[in-house]
Structures are given as C-alpha cells and as structure tokens.
Amino acid sequence: MSSSAVLQQCARTLVRSASGSSRQISTSAVARGGGGPFDYHYIHAPKMYDVAGMPNKHLVYGSMCTVGLLGGFFIPLYAISHSQKKTMG
C-alpha cells in the first residue's frame, strides 16, 4: 500500500469512530453574586463567622471540644462492648 492509501484508510477510520460517538464539552454560566470566593455573607448571616464578637465563646467552644473528645472516646468503647456481646450469644 502506498502512503496516501494508508492515510486515506486512517482518515476513514477516524471519521467513522468520531461520528459514532460524538462527545461535547458543555458548560454552564458562571454563578454571579457575592464579592468573590471568600465572601460568605451573601449566603449566611453577616455575623455567622464573627467568632471574636461571640458572647461566651470560651464556654461554647470548650463544651464543643469536650463533647467531641468524649464522643471520640466512648463511641469506640461502646462499639467494642456491643460487638463482644453479640459474639457471646
């Protein structure tokens, strides 16, 4: 086969494969609103991220940390005891 015949055969194969499954890239419009990627105030309340002005912040965050630590300690213990009870019958 000559080189032009090989090129024609490759072109035919490409055309057949391209027409059988045509994929296209589709995009939507850019979301407009807010002041940029770090402007959360258009979704949430204006004072939601004002931690410095939060009343009793030490009490709130201390209690949340305590609950998280206790949950992280007691949930695995409960899971172990429950699985051991199930295996004992």
Protein backbone atom coordinates (compact mmCIF):
# COMPACT_ATOMS: atom_id res chain seq x y z
CA MET A 1 0.00 0.00 0.00
CA SER A 2 1.15 3.47 -0.71
CA SER A 3 1.35 6.12 1.96
CA SER A 4 -1.63 8.04 0.57
CA ALA A 5 -3.79 4.91 0.75
CA VAL A 6 -2.75 4.39 4.37
CA LEU A 7 -3.59 8.00 5.18
CA GLN A 8 -6.99 7.66 3.49
CA GLN A 9 -7.74 4.49 5.43
CA CYS A 10 -6.78 6.20 8.72
CA ALA A 11 -8.95 9.18 7.83
CA ARG A 12 -11.94 6.90 7.10
CA THR A 13 -11.46 5.09 10.41
CA LEU A 14 -11.28 8.35 12.31
CA VAL A 15 -14.40 9.71 10.63
CA ARG A 16 -16.33 6.52 11.41
CA SER A 17 -15.27 6.49 15.05
CA ALA A 18 -15.93 10.20 15.51
CA SER A 19 -19.41 10.11 14.00
CA GLY A 20 -20.49 7.12 16.12
CA SER A 21 -19.78 8.71 19.46
CA SER A 22 -19.68 12.46 19.49
CA ARG A 23 -18.81 13.95 22.83
CA GLN A 24 -19.04 17.61 23.52
CA ILE A 25 -17.97 19.78 26.38
CA SER A 26 -20.85 21.72 27.79
CA THR A 27 -20.54 24.36 30.44
CA SER A 28 -22.98 26.50 32.30
CA ALA A 29 -22.80 30.18 33.02
CA VAL A 30 -20.61 31.38 35.85
CA ALA A 31 -22.53 31.92 39.07
CA ARG A 32 -22.72 35.62 39.75
CA GLY A 33 -23.23 37.13 43.17
CA GLY A 34 -21.27 37.94 46.25
CA GLY A 35 -17.89 39.57 46.32
CA GLY A 36 -15.77 36.59 45.42
CA PRO A 37 -14.93 33.10 46.56
CA PHE A 38 -14.41 34.11 50.21
CA ASP A 39 -17.48 36.28 50.62
CA TYR A 40 -19.84 34.06 52.60
CA HIS A 41 -22.18 36.81 53.69
CA TYR A 42 -24.42 36.51 50.65
CA ILE A 43 -25.40 33.00 51.80
CA HIS A 44 -25.19 33.17 55.58
CA ALA A 45 -25.90 35.71 58.23
CA PRO A 46 -23.42 38.62 58.46
CA LYS A 47 -22.32 37.72 62.00
CA MET A 48 -22.01 33.97 61.47
CA TYR A 49 -18.22 33.98 61.20
CA ASP A 50 -17.61 36.70 63.78
CA VAL A 51 -16.02 34.46 66.42
CA ALA A 52 -14.25 37.33 68.18
CA GLY A 53 -17.54 39.09 68.91
CA MET A 54 -19.36 35.97 70.04
CA PRO A 55 -20.62 36.01 73.63
CA ASN A 56 -19.40 33.15 75.88
CA LYS A 57 -17.11 31.84 73.15
CA HIS A 58 -14.84 30.08 75.66
CA LEU A 59 -17.81 28.25 77.15
CA VAL A 60 -19.27 27.32 73.76
CA TYR A 61 -16.03 26.12 72.16
CA GLY A 62 -14.88 24.43 75.36
CA SER A 63 -18.11 22.48 75.61
CA MET A 64 -17.96 21.53 71.92
CA CYS A 65 -14.38 20.27 72.30
CA THR A 66 -15.30 18.33 75.43
CA VAL A 67 -18.27 16.69 73.74
CA GLY A 68 -16.12 15.82 70.72
CA LEU A 69 -13.39 14.27 72.84
CA LEU A 70 -15.82 12.31 75.00
CA GLY A 71 -17.67 11.09 71.91
CA GLY A 72 -14.43 10.04 70.29
CA PHE A 73 -13.54 8.06 73.40
CA PHE A 74 -16.86 6.45 74.32
CA ILE A 75 -18.23 5.57 70.88
CA PRO A 76 -15.43 3.05 70.13
CA LEU A 77 -15.75 1.60 73.64
CA TYR A 78 -19.47 1.12 73.14
CA ALA A 79 -18.87 -0.45 69.72
CA ILE A 80 -16.36 -2.91 71.17
CA SER A 81 -18.61 -3.91 74.04
CA HIS A 82 -21.59 -4.27 71.72
CA SER A 83 -19.67 -6.48 69.28
CA GLN A 84 -18.37 -8.62 72.12
CA LYS A 85 -21.90 -9.07 73.48
CA LYS A 86 -23.09 -10.11 70.02
CA THR A 87 -20.36 -12.73 69.64
CA MET A 88 -21.03 -14.24 73.08
CA GLY A 89 -24.57 -15.06 72.03
